Amino acid sequence: MKRTAAILIALCLALAAPAALHAAAPPATKLAPKPATPAATAPTATIKLPPAPAATLAPDSLTLLETAFAKDSTNADLMYRLGVAYLDRERPGDAVRVLQMAVRSRPRDLKTLVNLGAAYDANGHADLAQEQYRRALEVAPGDSVAACRLASSLYSQTKYSEAMDLLRNLIKQKPRAYCAYFTLGVAFADAGLYRDAIRMWTKVVEIAPSSPEAVSAQESIEVLKKFVQ
């Protein structure tokens, strides 16, 4: 039963690529998928955060950004927006390329550093991703998005103690950092500690009921209640 529940949580929460973080434009929420049906051959549970709010792209907006970038490849804001667009379209390799340029132009820009980290993670380079998250935390110590992403990336490499300590310290500093509660909930579910997972996810729903994390948390609470009754 433990493995079945863990698989179900993984399928519910593991998303292929995080969308833009610290998005500059007014966000349109992108929700996590609905819980999937358990399968005996499904992958082992992994910890991933749902995408942070990002600007939803119109069908031709990526083309427009690429055209504008081709005309002016020195505009750091344009680099950032194009990198965000590539992340939103699940093209992490292209996102890395453009966001690297943006970071070289603005080496202490928080949102650019975190998004470059997200692009590296989505591209399978956790060590490089963690380097960017740590740089972001040097720029903005205690930033909850950078800290949660760093913890998620560490957890994916089975660095469990470091990830959990990071999340608990974040909660001590910022008791309303709902991404930390969400990530702890996934970790508890992955470990089979379902009541603790439900407790963490309930905090997410209480603190930020309209967030993508809260939507995914509520769905997962309903799933896990079947295993703890």
Protein backbone atom coordinates (compact mmCIF):
# COMPACT_ATOMS: atom_id res chain seq x y z
CA MET A 1 0.00 0.00 0.00
CA LYS A 2 2.86 2.38 0.80
CA ARG A 3 4.37 2.04 -2.66
CA THR A 4 0.99 2.45 -4.36
CA ALA A 5 0.28 5.67 -2.46
CA ALA A 6 3.76 7.03 -3.10
CA ILE A 7 3.42 6.32 -6.80
CA LEU A 8 0.07 8.07 -6.85
CA ILE A 9 1.47 11.15 -5.14
CA ALA A 10 4.39 11.19 -7.56
CA LEU A 11 2.11 11.04 -10.56
CA CYS A 12 -0.03 13.79 -9.11
CA LEU A 13 2.81 16.16 -8.25
CA ALA A 14 5.82 15.43 -10.46
CA LEU A 15 5.70 17.94 -13.28
CA ALA A 16 7.99 17.87 -16.26
CA ALA A 17 9.28 21.45 -16.13
CA PRO A 18 8.70 24.33 -13.75
CA ALA A 19 7.26 27.45 -15.36
CA ALA A 20 8.57 30.93 -14.73
CA LEU A 21 9.35 31.93 -11.17
CA HIS A 22 9.12 35.48 -9.87
CA ALA A 23 7.29 36.25 -13.11
CA ALA A 24 7.40 39.89 -14.09
CA ALA A 25 4.04 39.98 -15.85
CA PRO A 26 0.68 39.69 -14.03
CA PRO A 27 0.29 35.93 -13.57
CA ALA A 28 -2.31 33.59 -14.99
CA THR A 29 -2.27 30.49 -12.79
CA LYS A 30 -1.15 27.24 -14.35
CA LEU A 31 -2.52 24.33 -12.34
CA ALA A 32 -1.01 20.98 -11.51
CA PRO A 33 -2.56 17.88 -13.12
CA LYS A 34 -5.32 15.83 -11.55
CA PRO A 35 -4.33 12.72 -9.55
CA ALA A 36 -3.60 9.75 -11.75
CA THR A 37 -4.66 6.13 -11.32
CA PRO A 38 -2.04 3.95 -9.59
CA ALA A 39 -0.11 1.61 -11.85
CA ALA A 40 2.14 -1.26 -10.85
CA THR A 41 4.87 -0.16 -13.24
CA ALA A 42 4.66 3.56 -12.48
CA PRO A 43 7.89 5.42 -11.61
CA THR A 44 9.14 5.78 -8.05
CA ALA A 45 8.01 8.93 -6.24
CA THR A 46 10.06 12.06 -6.74
CA ILE A 47 9.70 15.50 -5.25
CA LYS A 48 8.73 18.34 -7.55
CA LEU A 49 6.98 21.62 -6.96
CA PRO A 50 4.10 22.66 -9.17
CA PRO A 51 4.92 25.51 -11.51
CA ALA A 52 4.84 28.97 -10.03
CA PRO A 53 2.50 31.49 -11.65
CA ALA A 54 3.67 32.58 -15.06
CA ALA A 55 2.37 34.68 -17.86
CA THR A 56 0.30 32.53 -20.24
CA LEU A 57 1.62 32.79 -23.76
CA ALA A 58 -0.56 33.63 -26.73
CA PRO A 59 -0.12 31.21 -29.65
CA ASP A 60 2.24 33.54 -31.51
CA SER A 61 3.94 35.25 -28.56
CA LEU A 62 7.01 33.00 -28.59
CA THR A 63 7.56 33.78 -32.26
CA LEU A 64 7.23 37.48 -31.52
CA LEU A 65 9.76 37.25 -28.71
CA GLU A 66 12.19 35.29 -30.88
CA THR A 67 11.84 37.86 -33.65
CA ALA A 68 12.42 40.74 -31.24
CA PHE A 69 15.42 38.96 -29.74
CA ALA A 70 16.91 38.38 -33.18
CA LYS A 71 16.77 42.13 -33.75
CA ASP A 72 18.17 43.06 -30.34
CA SER A 73 20.14 40.32 -28.59
CA THR A 74 21.56 42.73 -25.98
CA ASN A 75 18.30 43.49 -24.16
CA ALA A 76 18.45 41.71 -20.80
CA ASP A 77 14.72 42.06 -20.16
CA LEU A 78 13.99 40.52 -23.55
CA MET A 79 16.40 37.67 -22.78
CA TYR A 80 14.56 37.00 -19.55
CA ARG A 81 11.12 37.07 -21.15
CA LEU A 82 12.25 34.73 -23.93
CA GLY A 83 13.78 32.35 -21.40
CA VAL A 84 10.51 32.36 -19.44
CA ALA A 85 8.63 31.64 -22.65
CA TYR A 86 10.88 28.65 -23.41
CA LEU A 87 10.31 27.31 -19.88
CA ASP A 88 6.57 27.74 -20.31
CA ARG A 89 6.77 25.79 -23.57
CA GLU A 90 8.87 23.06 -21.93
CA ARG A 91 12.01 23.81 -23.91
CA PRO A 92 14.55 23.86 -21.07
CA GLY A 93 17.61 23.64 -23.30
CA ASP A 94 16.64 26.83 -25.12
CA ALA A 95 15.69 28.41 -21.78
CA VAL A 96 19.14 27.65 -20.36
CA ARG A 97 20.87 29.19 -23.38
CA VAL A 98 18.93 32.46 -23.23
CA LEU A 99 18.79 32.79 -19.45
CA GLN A 100 22.57 32.26 -19.24
CA MET A 101 22.90 35.35 -21.40
CA ALA A 102 20.46 37.22 -19.18
CA VAL A 103 22.45 36.29 -16.06
CA ARG A 104 25.68 37.45 -17.65
CA SER A 105 23.97 40.77 -18.34
CA ARG A 106 22.31 41.00 -14.91
CA PRO A 107 24.31 38.72 -12.57
CA ARG A 108 22.40 39.73 -9.43
CA ASP A 109 18.85 39.67 -10.76
CA LEU A 110 16.86 37.38 -8.46
CA LYS A 111 14.15 36.24 -10.87
CA THR A 112 16.65 35.53 -13.64
CA LEU A 113 18.88 33.44 -11.37
CA VAL A 114 15.96 31.38 -10.05
CA ASN A 115 14.57 30.78 -13.53
CA LEU A 116 17.97 29.72 -14.82
CA GLY A 117 18.08 27.26 -11.93
CA ALA A 118 14.65 25.98 -12.89
CA ALA A 119 15.80 25.57 -16.49
CA TYR A 120 18.89 23.60 -15.41
CA ASP A 121 16.73 21.36 -13.19
CA ALA A 122 14.28 20.76 -16.02
CA ASN A 123 17.23 19.93 -18.27
CA GLY A 124 18.57 17.33 -15.82
CA HIS A 125 21.48 19.33 -14.37
CA ALA A 126 20.67 19.54 -10.66
CA ASP A 127 24.16 20.62 -9.56
CA LEU A 128 24.11 23.61 -11.92
CA ALA A 129 20.56 24.41 -10.83
CA GLN A 130 21.57 24.42 -7.17
CA GLU A 131 24.43 26.79 -7.93
CA GLN A 132 21.95 29.30 -9.35
CA TYR A 133 19.53 28.93 -6.42
CA ARG A 134 22.40 29.55 -3.99
CA ARG A 135 23.43 32.63 -5.93
CA ALA A 136 19.84 33.83 -5.75
CA LEU A 137 19.85 33.32 -1.98
CA GLU A 138 23.04 35.38 -1.75
CA VAL A 139 21.21 38.19 -3.53
CA ALA A 140 18.02 37.78 -1.47
CA PRO A 141 18.67 35.75 1.71
CA GLY A 142 15.57 33.88 2.79
CA ASP A 143 13.77 34.15 -0.55
CA SER A 144 11.15 31.42 -0.27
CA VAL A 145 10.98 30.50 -3.96
CA ALA A 146 14.75 30.09 -4.30
CA ALA A 147 14.93 28.15 -1.02
CA CYS A 148 12.07 25.80 -1.94
CA ARG A 149 13.51 25.15 -5.38
CA LEU A 150 16.92 24.44 -3.86
CA ALA A 151 15.37 22.01 -1.37
CA SER A 152 13.43 20.26 -4.13
CA SER A 153 16.56 19.92 -6.24
CA LEU A 154 18.57 18.57 -3.31
CA TYR A 155 15.83 16.07 -2.49
CA SER A 156 15.83 14.82 -6.07
CA GLN A 157 19.49 13.89 -5.54
CA THR A 158 18.57 12.00 -2.33
CA LYS A 159 20.19 14.70 -0.17
CA TYR A 160 17.28 14.35 2.20
CA SER A 161 18.72 15.78 5.41
CA GLU A 162 20.01 18.93 3.72
CA ALA A 163 16.71 19.47 1.93
CA MET A 164 14.60 18.97 5.06
CA ASP A 165 16.82 21.21 7.18
CA LEU A 166 16.55 23.93 4.56
CA LEU A 167 12.76 23.74 4.53
CA ARG A 168 12.43 23.72 8.31
CA ASN A 169 14.76 26.71 8.63
CA LEU A 170 12.73 28.55 6.02
CA ILE A 171 9.54 27.93 7.98
CA LYS A 172 11.20 29.24 11.15
CA GLN A 173 12.17 32.42 9.32
CA LYS A 174 8.95 32.73 7.31
CA PRO A 175 6.03 30.85 8.90
CA ARG A 176 3.81 31.62 5.90
CA ALA A 177 6.20 30.25 3.27
CA TYR A 178 3.63 27.84 1.87
CA CYS A 179 5.98 26.35 -0.71
CA ALA A 180 8.03 24.96 2.18
CA TYR A 181 4.99 23.26 3.70
CA PHE A 182 4.07 21.89 0.29
CA THR A 183 7.53 20.46 -0.32
CA LEU A 184 7.67 18.93 3.16
CA GLY A 185 4.29 17.34 2.46
CA VAL A 186 5.61 15.66 -0.66
CA ALA A 187 8.66 14.44 1.23
CA PHE A 188 6.48 12.97 4.01
CA ALA A 189 4.21 11.28 1.47
CA ASP A 190 7.26 9.87 -0.29
CA ALA A 191 8.39 8.42 3.05
CA GLY A 192 4.98 6.92 3.78
CA LEU A 193 4.21 9.42 6.57
CA TYR A 194 0.78 10.17 5.21
CA ARG A 195 -0.75 11.92 8.23
CA ASP A 196 2.24 14.27 8.38
CA ALA A 197 1.88 14.91 4.65
CA ILE A 198 -1.79 15.76 5.08
CA ARG A 199 -0.92 18.11 7.95
CA MET A 200 1.64 19.97 5.82
CA TRP A 201 -0.67 20.22 2.81
CA THR A 202 -3.52 21.46 4.99
CA LYS A 203 -1.26 24.36 6.01
CA VAL A 204 -0.71 25.16 2.32
CA VAL A 205 -4.46 25.35 1.72
CA GLU A 206 -4.91 27.55 4.80
CA ILE A 207 -2.10 29.98 3.93
CA ALA A 208 -2.49 30.31 0.16
CA PRO A 209 -5.83 28.79 -0.92
CA SER A 210 -5.70 30.15 -4.47
CA SER A 211 -2.14 29.04 -5.25
CA PRO A 212 -1.27 26.14 -7.60
CA GLU A 213 0.36 24.43 -4.62
CA ALA A 214 -2.93 24.59 -2.68
CA VAL A 215 -4.87 23.08 -5.59
CA SER A 216 -2.41 20.19 -5.87
CA ALA A 217 -2.26 19.84 -2.07
CA GLN A 218 -6.04 19.59 -1.74
CA GLU A 219 -6.23 16.93 -4.44
CA SER A 220 -3.46 14.96 -2.78
CA ILE A 221 -5.06 15.25 0.66
CA GLU A 222 -8.18 13.61 -0.76
CA VAL A 223 -6.07 10.82 -2.23
CA LEU A 224 -4.13 10.14 0.98
CA LYS A 225 -7.20 10.16 3.22
CA LYS A 226 -8.18 6.88 1.57
CA PHE A 227 -4.96 5.32 2.91
CA VAL A 228 -5.14 6.62 6.48
CA GLN A 229 -8.79 5.88 7.22
